[in-house]
Amino acid sequence: MDIVIENLTKRYGVQKAVDNISLKVATGEILGFLGPNGAGKTTTMKIITNFISADEGEVYIGGMSMKDDPQEIKRHIGYLPENNPLYHDMPVIDYLEFCARINNIEKQKVSTRVAEMVRITGLNSEKHKKIFELSRGYRQRVGLAQAMIHDPEILIMDEPTSGLDPNQIAEIRKLIRELGREKTVILSTHILPEVEATCDRIFIINKGKLVADGTAESLRKKAQGSDILRVRIEDGDINQIFRALQSLKAVTMVDFADRQLNRFDVHCKSENVKREIFRLCVEKNWVLTELTPYETRLEDIFRELTMN
């Protein structure tokens, strides 16, 4: 089931929390939804899940307009909010049974579905404890279980790995990838390596506006404008090497990466430049000790797009 957002706007007083955002998420796609605090991510998620309404724009879920049949659409969505509201005085198993019933799961199927969620989220050892007795990580697992209890086609998750240890994070990442084969997933997080490891596509907003939309690789290409090679050449004068690299036909720019180690960042627009650098070193009797592609980090792209 796909999600289509058209010209979404939400105001709080004179401030636009969401400013004319349009977005499409295909069935089976995992979208990483990024932005600094206050960018409008949570507001957008609340509109998609019909917790709040937009001032302008449309949300379509599987072709259905949110305005036409919001209750029907809600049945197809599972939502894990950032602050994960839970009934802390209820045992885990009772809470999940309650969630199953309010999501209209058939009475004879409730126990089976709850047992499945307990297994998937690793809650078996904690299922009879009251929720207030759980660690933050296990409470997060309970939140994930309630979001998935009715087997929704769409999952909206705000900081799903918050409070989890590295092993738990790896397990949840794996689970999200598995869910993404059949479901439409929107995942918001501040952990950028998690986005890269989990998501098919990245959508970045800042001050309520779209600033980037694409795969991690396409965003890197756009940020760099060209490929970058990290090159180290020894047994030669650093300035002479610098000028020689600059003179190569496929090279657009050369930066000093480390003067002490004769290391350079070579910006280029052709794969052939690797051969050219190798030939240059043979010709000059220099020793080429490093020639590796350099990837712009997602953190750098995020900062560049959201700092101003």
C-alpha atoms as a PDB file:
ATOM      1  CA  MET A   1       0.000   0.000   0.000  1.00  0.00           C
ATOM      2  CA  ASP A   2       1.547   3.286  -1.109  1.00  0.00           C
ATOM      3  CA  ILE A   3       1.533   6.758   0.460  1.00  0.00           C
ATOM      4  CA  VAL A   4       1.084   9.957  -1.539  1.00  0.00           C
ATOM      5  CA  ILE A   5       1.360  13.384   0.092  1.00  0.00           C
ATOM      6  CA  GLU A   6       0.505  16.463  -1.947  1.00  0.00           C
ATOM      7  CA  ASN A   7       1.363  20.046  -0.916  1.00  0.00           C
ATOM      8  CA  LEU A   8       1.059  19.366   2.811  1.00  0.00           C
ATOM      9  CA  THR A   9       1.070  22.454   5.061  1.00  0.00           C
ATOM     10  CA  LYS A  10       0.532  22.751   8.824  1.00  0.00           C
ATOM     11  CA  ARG A  11       0.666  26.018  10.764  1.00  0.00           C
ATOM     12  CA  TYR A  12       0.940  26.724  14.473  1.00  0.00           C
ATOM     13  CA  GLY A  13       0.084  30.395  14.720  1.00  0.00           C
ATOM     14  CA  VAL A  14       2.285  32.248  12.245  1.00  0.00           C
ATOM     15  CA  GLN A  15       4.863  29.439  12.102  1.00  0.00           C
ATOM     16  CA  LYS A  16       4.692  26.809   9.367  1.00  0.00           C
ATOM     17  CA  ALA A  17       5.695  23.490  10.948  1.00  0.00           C
ATOM     18  CA  VAL A  18       5.213  21.775   7.566  1.00  0.00           C
ATOM     19  CA  ASP A  19       5.568  23.917   4.458  1.00  0.00           C
ATOM     20  CA  ASN A  20       4.140  22.607   1.164  1.00  0.00           C
ATOM     21  CA  ILE A  21       5.691  19.113   1.321  1.00  0.00           C
ATOM     22  CA  SER A  22       4.955  16.545  -1.392  1.00  0.00           C
ATOM     23  CA  LEU A  23       6.115  12.945  -1.123  1.00  0.00           C
ATOM     24  CA  LYS A  24       5.472   9.480  -2.590  1.00  0.00           C
ATOM     25  CA  VAL A  25       6.413   6.221  -0.858  1.00  0.00           C
ATOM     26  CA  ALA A  26       5.928   3.006  -2.830  1.00  0.00           C
ATOM     27  CA  THR A  27       4.723  -0.322  -1.465  1.00  0.00           C
ATOM     28  CA  GLY A  28       7.692  -2.291  -0.139  1.00  0.00           C
ATOM     29  CA  GLU A  29       9.844   0.828   0.211  1.00  0.00           C
ATOM     30  CA  ILE A  30      11.587   1.876   3.429  1.00  0.00           C
ATOM     31  CA  LEU A  31      11.885   5.659   3.603  1.00  0.00           C
ATOM     32  CA  GLY A  32      14.306   7.331   6.008  1.00  0.00           C
ATOM     33  CA  PHE A  33      12.726  10.597   7.165  1.00  0.00           C
ATOM     34  CA  LEU A  34      15.411  12.966   8.439  1.00  0.00           C
ATOM     35  CA  GLY A  35      15.664  16.485   9.774  1.00  0.00           C
ATOM     36  CA  PRO A  36      16.962  18.397  12.802  1.00  0.00           C
ATOM     37  CA  ASN A  37      14.809  18.870  15.891  1.00  0.00           C
ATOM     38  CA  GLY A  38      11.858  21.107  15.055  1.00  0.00           C
ATOM     39  CA  ALA A  39      12.087  20.431  11.308  1.00  0.00           C
ATOM     40  CA  GLY A  40       8.512  19.107  11.069  1.00  0.00           C
ATOM     41  CA  LYS A  41       9.118  15.334  10.972  1.00  0.00           C
ATOM     42  CA  THR A  42       6.846  14.383  13.861  1.00  0.00           C
ATOM     43  CA  THR A  43       4.127  16.783  12.685  1.00  0.00           C
ATOM     44  CA  THR A  44       4.204  15.187   9.222  1.00  0.00           C
ATOM     45  CA  MET A  45       3.995  11.691  10.737  1.00  0.00           C
ATOM     46  CA  LYS A  46       1.042  12.704  12.905  1.00  0.00           C
ATOM     47  CA  ILE A  47      -0.769  14.017   9.827  1.00  0.00           C
ATOM     48  CA  ILE A  48      -0.098  10.795   7.873  1.00  0.00           C
ATOM     49  CA  THR A  49      -1.435   8.735  10.796  1.00  0.00           C
ATOM     50  CA  ASN A  50      -4.427  11.097  11.228  1.00  0.00           C
ATOM     51  CA  PHE A  51      -3.530  12.117  14.780  1.00  0.00           C
ATOM     52  CA  ILE A  52      -3.740  15.740  13.622  1.00  0.00           C
ATOM     53  CA  SER A  53      -5.121  17.316  10.452  1.00  0.00           C
ATOM     54  CA  ALA A  54      -3.294  19.395   7.863  1.00  0.00           C
ATOM     55  CA  ASP A  55      -4.270  22.990   7.115  1.00  0.00           C
ATOM     56  CA  GLU A  56      -3.639  22.458   3.413  1.00  0.00           C
ATOM     57  CA  GLY A  57      -2.815  19.548   1.126  1.00  0.00           C
ATOM     58  CA  GLU A  58      -3.879  15.936   0.736  1.00  0.00           C
ATOM     59  CA  VAL A  59      -2.783  12.548   2.083  1.00  0.00           C
ATOM     60  CA  TYR A  60      -3.659   9.434   0.071  1.00  0.00           C
ATOM     61  CA  ILE A  61      -3.157   5.939   1.487  1.00  0.00           C
ATOM     62  CA  GLY A  62      -3.506   3.209  -1.115  1.00  0.00           C
ATOM     63  CA  GLY A  63      -5.390   5.677  -3.301  1.00  0.00           C
ATOM     64  CA  MET A  64      -7.858   6.589  -0.524  1.00  0.00           C
ATOM     65  CA  SER A  65      -8.036  10.206   0.626  1.00  0.00           C
ATOM     66  CA  MET A  66      -7.498  10.736   4.350  1.00  0.00           C
ATOM     67  CA  LYS A  67     -10.342  13.281   4.273  1.00  0.00           C
ATOM     68  CA  ASP A  68     -12.848  10.811   2.814  1.00  0.00           C
ATOM     69  CA  ASP A  69     -12.475   7.853   5.182  1.00  0.00           C
ATOM     70  CA  PRO A  70      -9.954   8.463   7.998  1.00  0.00           C
ATOM     71  CA  GLN A  71     -11.122   5.552  10.172  1.00  0.00           C
ATOM     72  CA  GLU A  72     -10.782   3.012   7.359  1.00  0.00           C
ATOM     73  CA  ILE A  73      -7.308   4.330   6.535  1.00  0.00           C
ATOM     74  CA  LYS A  74      -6.206   4.075  10.178  1.00  0.00           C
ATOM     75  CA  ARG A  75      -6.794   0.305  10.056  1.00  0.00           C
ATOM     76  CA  HIS A  76      -3.988   0.022   7.519  1.00  0.00           C
ATOM     77  CA  ILE A  77      -1.410   1.986   9.545  1.00  0.00           C
ATOM     78  CA  GLY A  78       0.780   1.011  12.490  1.00  0.00           C
ATOM     79  CA  TYR A  79       2.356   3.916  14.388  1.00  0.00           C
ATOM     80  CA  LEU A  80       5.199   4.020  16.889  1.00  0.00           C
ATOM     81  CA  PRO A  81       5.390   7.603  18.223  1.00  0.00           C
ATOM     82  CA  GLU A  82       8.637   9.056  19.522  1.00  0.00           C
ATOM     83  CA  ASN A  83       7.574   9.137  23.180  1.00  0.00           C
ATOM     84  CA  ASN A  84       5.858   5.736  22.989  1.00  0.00           C
ATOM     85  CA  PRO A  85       2.791   6.183  25.251  1.00  0.00           C
ATOM     86  CA  LEU A  86       2.104   2.935  27.134  1.00  0.00           C
ATOM     87  CA  TYR A  87      -0.129   1.811  30.006  1.00  0.00           C
ATOM     88  CA  HIS A  88       2.632   1.316  32.551  1.00  0.00           C
ATOM     89  CA  ASP A  89       0.506  -0.524  35.134  1.00  0.00           C
ATOM     90  CA  MET A  90      -0.453  -3.291  32.695  1.00  0.00           C
ATOM     91  CA  PRO A  91       1.560  -6.484  32.188  1.00  0.00           C
ATOM     92  CA  VAL A  92       3.059  -6.678  28.700  1.00  0.00           C
ATOM     93  CA  ILE A  93       0.894  -9.615  27.622  1.00  0.00           C
ATOM     94  CA  ASP A  94      -2.319  -7.915  28.815  1.00  0.00           C
ATOM     95  CA  TYR A  95      -1.403  -4.665  27.094  1.00  0.00           C
ATOM     96  CA  LEU A  96      -0.786  -6.394  23.765  1.00  0.00           C
ATOM     97  CA  GLU A  97      -4.070  -8.312  24.069  1.00  0.00           C
ATOM     98  CA  PHE A  98      -5.800  -4.988  24.721  1.00  0.00           C
ATOM     99  CA  CYS A  99      -4.129  -3.475  21.621  1.00  0.00           C
ATOM    100  CA  ALA A 100      -5.230  -6.472  19.560  1.00  0.00           C
ATOM    101  CA  ARG A 101      -8.850  -6.084  20.662  1.00  0.00           C
ATOM    102  CA  ILE A 102      -9.064  -2.331  19.997  1.00  0.00           C
ATOM    103  CA  ASN A 103      -7.629  -3.017  16.540  1.00  0.00           C
ATOM    104  CA  ASN A 104     -10.551  -5.393  15.895  1.00  0.00           C
ATOM    105  CA  ILE A 105      -8.535  -8.600  15.666  1.00  0.00           C
ATOM    106  CA  GLU A 106     -10.911 -11.574  15.827  1.00  0.00           C
ATOM    107  CA  LYS A 107     -11.231 -12.939  19.370  1.00  0.00           C
ATOM    108  CA  GLN A 108     -10.013 -16.424  18.466  1.00  0.00           C
ATOM    109  CA  LYS A 109      -6.898 -14.985  16.804  1.00  0.00           C
ATOM    110  CA  VAL A 110      -5.821 -12.582  19.579  1.00  0.00           C
ATOM    111  CA  SER A 111      -3.650 -15.049  21.531  1.00  0.00           C
ATOM    112  CA  THR A 112      -1.888 -16.273  18.391  1.00  0.00           C
ATOM    113  CA  ARG A 113      -1.190 -12.744  17.187  1.00  0.00           C
ATOM    114  CA  VAL A 114       0.097 -11.602  20.589  1.00  0.00           C
ATOM    115  CA  ALA A 115       2.378 -14.645  20.832  1.00  0.00           C
ATOM    116  CA  GLU A 116       3.748 -13.843  17.358  1.00  0.00           C
ATOM    117  CA  MET A 117       4.510 -10.220  18.343  1.00  0.00           C
ATOM    118  CA  VAL A 118       6.182 -11.356  21.574  1.00  0.00           C
ATOM    119  CA  ARG A 119       8.383 -13.711  19.558  1.00  0.00           C
ATOM    120  CA  ILE A 120       9.262 -11.199  16.828  1.00  0.00           C
ATOM    121  CA  THR A 121      10.173  -8.396  19.246  1.00  0.00           C
ATOM    122  CA  GLY A 122      12.030 -10.617  21.729  1.00  0.00           C
ATOM    123  CA  LEU A 123       9.702  -9.988  24.666  1.00  0.00           C
ATOM    124  CA  ASN A 124       9.200 -13.578  25.833  1.00  0.00           C
ATOM    125  CA  SER A 125      11.276 -13.236  29.019  1.00  0.00           C
ATOM    126  CA  GLU A 126       9.479  -9.984  29.946  1.00  0.00           C
ATOM    127  CA  LYS A 127       5.912 -10.687  28.847  1.00  0.00           C
ATOM    128  CA  HIS A 128       4.459 -11.156  32.357  1.00  0.00           C
ATOM    129  CA  LYS A 129       6.143  -8.068  33.838  1.00  0.00           C
ATOM    130  CA  LYS A 130       4.299  -4.797  34.222  1.00  0.00           C
ATOM    131  CA  ILE A 131       5.468  -2.234  31.701  1.00  0.00           C
ATOM    132  CA  PHE A 132       6.833   0.156  34.363  1.00  0.00           C
ATOM    133  CA  GLU A 133       9.226  -2.632  35.430  1.00  0.00           C
ATOM    134  CA  LEU A 134      10.845  -2.807  31.982  1.00  0.00           C
ATOM    135  CA  SER A 135      14.003  -1.088  30.803  1.00  0.00           C
ATOM    136  CA  ARG A 136      13.644   1.645  28.195  1.00  0.00           C
ATOM    137  CA  GLY A 137      14.788  -0.743  25.487  1.00  0.00           C
ATOM    138  CA  TYR A 138      12.119  -3.306  26.333  1.00  0.00           C
ATOM    139  CA  ARG A 139       9.446  -0.606  26.510  1.00  0.00           C
ATOM    140  CA  GLN A 140      10.469   0.355  22.988  1.00  0.00           C
ATOM    141  CA  ARG A 141       9.957  -3.255  21.927  1.00  0.00           C
ATOM    142  CA  VAL A 142       6.460  -3.190  23.430  1.00  0.00           C
ATOM    143  CA  GLY A 143       5.770  -0.062  21.371  1.00  0.00           C
ATOM    144  CA  LEU A 144       6.932  -1.842  18.223  1.00  0.00           C
ATOM    145  CA  ALA A 145       4.755  -4.839  19.046  1.00  0.00           C
ATOM    146  CA  GLN A 146       1.630  -2.682  19.451  1.00  0.00           C
ATOM    147  CA  ALA A 147       2.363  -0.892  16.160  1.00  0.00           C
ATOM    148  CA  MET A 148       2.494  -4.232  14.331  1.00  0.00           C
ATOM    149  CA  ILE A 149      -0.177  -6.154  16.253  1.00  0.00           C
ATOM    150  CA  HIS A 150      -2.882  -5.735  13.572  1.00  0.00           C
ATOM    151  CA  ASP A 151      -0.477  -6.556  10.702  1.00  0.00           C
ATOM    152  CA  PRO A 152      -0.819  -3.147   8.998  1.00  0.00           C
ATOM    153  CA  GLU A 153       0.319  -2.552   5.413  1.00  0.00           C
ATOM    154  CA  ILE A 154       2.015   0.694   6.477  1.00  0.00           C
ATOM    155  CA  LEU A 155       4.371   1.262   9.410  1.00  0.00           C
ATOM    156  CA  ILE A 156       5.279   4.761  10.625  1.00  0.00           C
ATOM    157  CA  MET A 157       8.080   4.690  13.203  1.00  0.00           C
ATOM    158  CA  ASP A 158       9.505   7.694  15.036  1.00  0.00           C
ATOM    159  CA  GLU A 159      12.917   6.840  16.556  1.00  0.00           C
ATOM    160  CA  PRO A 160      12.228   3.056  16.736  1.00  0.00           C
ATOM    161  CA  THR A 161      15.662   2.140  18.161  1.00  0.00           C
ATOM    162  CA  SER A 162      15.720   4.820  20.855  1.00  0.00           C
ATOM    163  CA  GLY A 163      17.076   3.363  24.095  1.00  0.00           C
ATOM    164  CA  LEU A 164      18.193   0.054  22.580  1.00  0.00           C
ATOM    165  CA  ASP A 165      21.663  -1.436  22.982  1.00  0.00           C
ATOM    166  CA  PRO A 166      23.790  -2.246  19.872  1.00  0.00           C
ATOM    167  CA  ASN A 167      22.618  -5.874  19.721  1.00  0.00           C
ATOM    168  CA  GLN A 168      18.973  -4.851  20.002  1.00  0.00           C
ATOM    169  CA  ILE A 169      19.471  -2.155  17.338  1.00  0.00           C
ATOM    170  CA  ALA A 170      20.875  -4.767  14.949  1.00  0.00           C
ATOM    171  CA  GLU A 171      17.867  -7.020  15.607  1.00  0.00           C
ATOM    172  CA  ILE A 172      15.362  -4.206  15.020  1.00  0.00           C
ATOM    173  CA  ARG A 173      17.172  -3.160  11.822  1.00  0.00           C
ATOM    174  CA  LYS A 174      16.878  -6.724  10.550  1.00  0.00           C
ATOM    175  CA  LEU A 175      13.196  -6.808  11.487  1.00  0.00           C
ATOM    176  CA  ILE A 176      12.506  -3.511   9.687  1.00  0.00           C
ATOM    177  CA  ARG A 177      14.265  -4.773   6.550  1.00  0.00           C
ATOM    178  CA  GLU A 178      12.149  -7.941   6.622  1.00  0.00           C
ATOM    179  CA  LEU A 179       8.957  -5.940   7.126  1.00  0.00           C
ATOM    180  CA  GLY A 180       9.939  -3.640   4.263  1.00  0.00           C
ATOM    181  CA  ARG A 181       9.723  -6.504   1.768  1.00  0.00           C
ATOM    182  CA  GLU A 182       5.939  -6.445   2.035  1.00  0.00           C
ATOM    183  CA  LYS A 183       5.038  -3.235   3.864  1.00  0.00           C
ATOM    184  CA  THR A 184       5.501   0.472   3.284  1.00  0.00           C
ATOM    185  CA  VAL A 185       7.734   1.869   6.034  1.00  0.00           C
ATOM    186  CA  ILE A 186       8.562   5.436   7.067  1.00  0.00           C
ATOM    187  CA  LEU A 187      11.363   5.553   9.602  1.00  0.00           C
ATOM    188  CA  SER A 188      12.471   8.700  11.421  1.00  0.00           C
ATOM    189  CA  THR A 189      15.733   8.663  13.365  1.00  0.00           C
ATOM    190  CA  HIS A 190      18.715  10.789  14.360  1.00  0.00           C
ATOM    191  CA  ILE A 191      21.096   7.836  13.937  1.00  0.00           C
ATOM    192  CA  LEU A 192      22.302   8.391  10.377  1.00  0.00           C
ATOM    193  CA  PRO A 193      24.201   5.073   9.961  1.00  0.00           C
ATOM    194  CA  GLU A 194      20.910   3.367  10.858  1.00  0.00           C
ATOM    195  CA  VAL A 195      19.201   5.129   7.936  1.00  0.00           C
ATOM    196  CA  GLU A 196      21.921   4.042   5.542  1.00  0.00           C
ATOM    197  CA  ALA A 197      21.820   0.444   6.808  1.00  0.00           C
ATOM    198  CA  THR A 198      18.038   0.168   6.734  1.00  0.00           C
ATOM    199  CA  CYS A 199      16.423   2.539   4.235  1.00  0.00           C
ATOM    200  CA  ASP A 200      15.964   2.398   0.464  1.00  0.00           C
ATOM    201  CA  ARG A 201      15.528   6.146   0.173  1.00  0.00           C
ATOM    202  CA  ILE A 202      16.172   9.266   2.250  1.00  0.00           C
ATOM    203  CA  PHE A 203      13.909  12.303   2.593  1.00  0.00           C
ATOM    204  CA  ILE A 204      15.360  15.315   4.436  1.00  0.00           C
ATOM    205  CA  ILE A 205      13.360  18.320   5.623  1.00  0.00           C
ATOM    206  CA  ASN A 206      14.493  21.518   7.332  1.00  0.00           C
ATOM    207  CA  LYS A 207      12.246  24.232   8.766  1.00  0.00           C
ATOM    208  CA  GLY A 208       9.247  22.426   7.328  1.00  0.00           C
ATOM    209  CA  LYS A 209      10.574  22.337   3.754  1.00  0.00           C
ATOM    210  CA  LEU A 210      11.943  19.525   1.605  1.00  0.00           C
ATOM    211  CA  VAL A 211      15.712  19.910   1.109  1.00  0.00           C
ATOM    212  CA  ALA A 212      16.687  16.475  -0.290  1.00  0.00           C
ATOM    213  CA  ASP A 213      15.102  13.302  -1.648  1.00  0.00           C
ATOM    214  CA  GLY A 214      17.042  10.320  -3.007  1.00  0.00           C
ATOM    215  CA  THR A 215      19.150   7.279  -2.217  1.00  0.00           C
ATOM    216  CA  ALA A 216      22.240   7.692  -0.034  1.00  0.00           C
ATOM    217  CA  GLU A 217      24.377   7.208  -3.135  1.00  0.00           C
ATOM    218  CA  SER A 218      22.515   9.812  -5.213  1.00  0.00           C
ATOM    219  CA  LEU A 219      22.704  12.341  -2.358  1.00  0.00           C
ATOM    220  CA  ARG A 220      26.458  11.766  -2.132  1.00  0.00           C
ATOM    221  CA  LYS A 221      26.861  12.301  -5.871  1.00  0.00           C
ATOM    222  CA  LYS A 222      24.832  15.490  -5.696  1.00  0.00           C
ATOM    223  CA  ALA A 223      26.825  16.778  -2.707  1.00  0.00           C
ATOM    224  CA  GLN A 224      30.186  15.975  -4.278  1.00  0.00           C
ATOM    225  CA  GLY A 225      29.423  16.914  -7.870  1.00  0.00           C
ATOM    226  CA  SER A 226      32.125  14.402  -8.831  1.00  0.00           C
ATOM    227  CA  ASP A 227      33.914  11.280  -7.598  1.00  0.00           C
ATOM    228  CA  ILE A 228      36.689  11.732  -5.047  1.00  0.00           C
ATOM    229  CA  LEU A 229      39.795   9.556  -4.822  1.00  0.00           C
ATOM    230  CA  ARG A 230      42.052   9.532  -1.785  1.00  0.00           C
ATOM    231  CA  VAL A 231      45.585   9.336  -3.240  1.00  0.00           C
ATOM    232  CA  ARG A 232      48.954   8.989  -1.510  1.00  0.00           C
ATOM    233  CA  ILE A 233      52.148   9.313  -3.562  1.00  0.00           C
ATOM    234  CA  GLU A 234      55.630   8.986  -2.063  1.00  0.00           C
ATOM    235  CA  ASP A 235      59.205   9.649  -3.222  1.00  0.00           C
ATOM    236  CA  GLY A 236      58.347  12.986  -4.827  1.00  0.00           C
ATOM    237  CA  ASP A 237      58.054  16.690  -4.007  1.00  0.00           C
ATOM    238  CA  ILE A 238      54.554  17.376  -2.680  1.00  0.00           C
ATOM    239  CA  ASN A 239      54.036  20.554  -4.723  1.00  0.00           C
ATOM    240  CA  GLN A 240      55.269  18.908  -7.908  1.00  0.00           C
ATOM    241  CA  ILE A 241      52.910  15.978  -7.315  1.00  0.00           C
ATOM    242  CA  PHE A 242      50.042  18.400  -6.668  1.00  0.00           C
ATOM    243  CA  ARG A 243      50.618  20.242  -9.964  1.00  0.00           C
ATOM    244  CA  ALA A 244      50.987  16.982 -11.896  1.00  0.00           C
ATOM    245  CA  LEU A 245      47.688  15.645 -10.533  1.00  0.00           C
ATOM    246  CA  GLN A 246      45.950  18.921 -11.378  1.00  0.00           C
ATOM    247  CA  SER A 247      47.155  18.679 -14.977  1.00  0.00           C
ATOM    248  CA  LEU A 248      45.438  15.336 -15.611  1.00  0.00           C
ATOM    249  CA  LYS A 249      42.587  15.662 -18.105  1.00  0.00           C
ATOM    250  CA  ALA A 250      39.861  13.942 -16.046  1.00  0.00           C
ATOM    251  CA  VAL A 251      40.745  15.765 -12.800  1.00  0.00           C
ATOM    252  CA  THR A 252      38.544  18.724 -11.834  1.00  0.00           C
ATOM    253  CA  MET A 253      40.179  19.660  -8.530  1.00  0.00           C
ATOM    254  CA  VAL A 254      42.925  18.526  -6.126  1.00  0.00           C
ATOM    255  CA  ASP A 255      42.965  19.178  -2.369  1.00  0.00           C
ATOM    256  CA  PHE A 256      45.703  18.493   0.167  1.00  0.00           C
ATOM    257  CA  ALA A 257      44.347  15.842   2.552  1.00  0.00           C
ATOM    258  CA  ASP A 258      47.566  15.442   4.582  1.00  0.00           C
ATOM    259  CA  ARG A 259      50.746  17.333   3.646  1.00  0.00           C
ATOM    260  CA  GLN A 260      52.901  15.294   6.025  1.00  0.00           C
ATOM    261  CA  LEU A 261      51.953  12.038   4.307  1.00  0.00           C
ATOM    262  CA  ASN A 262      51.735  13.345   0.704  1.00  0.00           C
ATOM    263  CA  ARG A 263      48.031  12.508   0.676  1.00  0.00           C
ATOM    264  CA  PHE A 264      45.579  14.213  -1.715  1.00  0.00           C
ATOM    265  CA  ASP A 265      41.854  14.253  -2.453  1.00  0.00           C
ATOM    266  CA  VAL A 266      41.473  14.106  -6.227  1.00  0.00           C
ATOM    267  CA  HIS A 267      38.074  15.169  -7.624  1.00  0.00           C
ATOM    268  CA  CYS A 268      37.379  13.577 -10.984  1.00  0.00           C
ATOM    269  CA  LYS A 269      34.602  12.846 -13.467  1.00  0.00           C
ATOM    270  CA  SER A 270      35.960   9.674 -15.064  1.00  0.00           C
ATOM    271  CA  GLU A 271      36.946   6.195 -13.923  1.00  0.00           C
ATOM    272  CA  ASN A 272      39.923   6.439 -16.330  1.00  0.00           C
ATOM    273  CA  VAL A 273      41.663   8.834 -13.969  1.00  0.00           C
ATOM    274  CA  LYS A 274      42.887   5.856 -11.906  1.00  0.00           C
ATOM    275  CA  ARG A 275      44.872   4.611 -14.912  1.00  0.00           C
ATOM    276  CA  GLU A 276      46.152   8.136 -15.567  1.00  0.00           C
ATOM    277  CA  ILE A 277      47.412   8.482 -11.988  1.00  0.00           C
ATOM    278  CA  PHE A 278      49.108   5.086 -12.189  1.00  0.00           C
ATOM    279  CA  ARG A 279      50.833   5.996 -15.485  1.00  0.00           C
ATOM    280  CA  LEU A 280      51.899   9.353 -14.042  1.00  0.00           C
ATOM    281  CA  CYS A 281      53.586   7.664 -11.080  1.00  0.00           C
ATOM    282  CA  VAL A 282      55.403   5.188 -13.347  1.00  0.00           C
ATOM    283  CA  GLU A 283      56.566   8.023 -15.600  1.00  0.00           C
ATOM    284  CA  LYS A 284      57.819  10.148 -12.672  1.00  0.00           C
ATOM    285  CA  ASN A 285      59.225   7.188 -10.721  1.00  0.00           C
ATOM    286  CA  TRP A 286      56.928   7.984  -7.792  1.00  0.00           C
ATOM    287  CA  VAL A 287      55.502   5.330  -5.456  1.00  0.00           C
ATOM    288  CA  LEU A 288      51.695   5.114  -5.381  1.00  0.00           C
ATOM    289  CA  THR A 289      50.768   3.734  -1.940  1.00  0.00           C
ATOM    290  CA  GLU A 290      47.067   4.613  -1.776  1.00  0.00           C
ATOM    291  CA  LEU A 291      44.303   4.979  -4.357  1.00  0.00           C
ATOM    292  CA  THR A 292      40.863   4.559  -2.808  1.00  0.00           C
ATOM    293  CA  PRO A 293      37.396   6.001  -3.494  1.00  0.00           C
ATOM    294  CA  TYR A 294      36.384   8.491  -0.812  1.00  0.00           C
ATOM    295  CA  GLU A 295      32.716   8.629   0.159  1.00  0.00           C
ATOM    296  CA  THR A 296      31.067  11.751   1.494  1.00  0.00           C
ATOM    297  CA  ARG A 297      29.510  10.806   4.832  1.00  0.00           C
ATOM    298  CA  LEU A 298      25.757  11.073   5.257  1.00  0.00           C
ATOM    299  CA  GLU A 299      26.436  13.171   8.364  1.00  0.00           C
ATOM    300  CA  ASP A 300      28.280  15.743   6.228  1.00  0.00           C
ATOM    301  CA  ILE A 301      25.424  15.930   3.720  1.00  0.00           C
ATOM    302  CA  PHE A 302      22.880  16.299   6.541  1.00  0.00           C
ATOM    303  CA  ARG A 303      24.848  19.143   8.139  1.00  0.00           C
ATOM    304  CA  GLU A 304      25.318  20.924   4.828  1.00  0.00           C
ATOM    305  CA  LEU A 305      21.590  20.798   4.061  1.00  0.00           C
ATOM    306  CA  THR A 306      20.282  21.743   7.511  1.00  0.00           C
ATOM    307  CA  MET A 307      22.800  24.144   9.067  1.00  0.00           C
ATOM    308  CA  ASN A 308      21.576  27.244   7.193  1.00  0.00           C
END
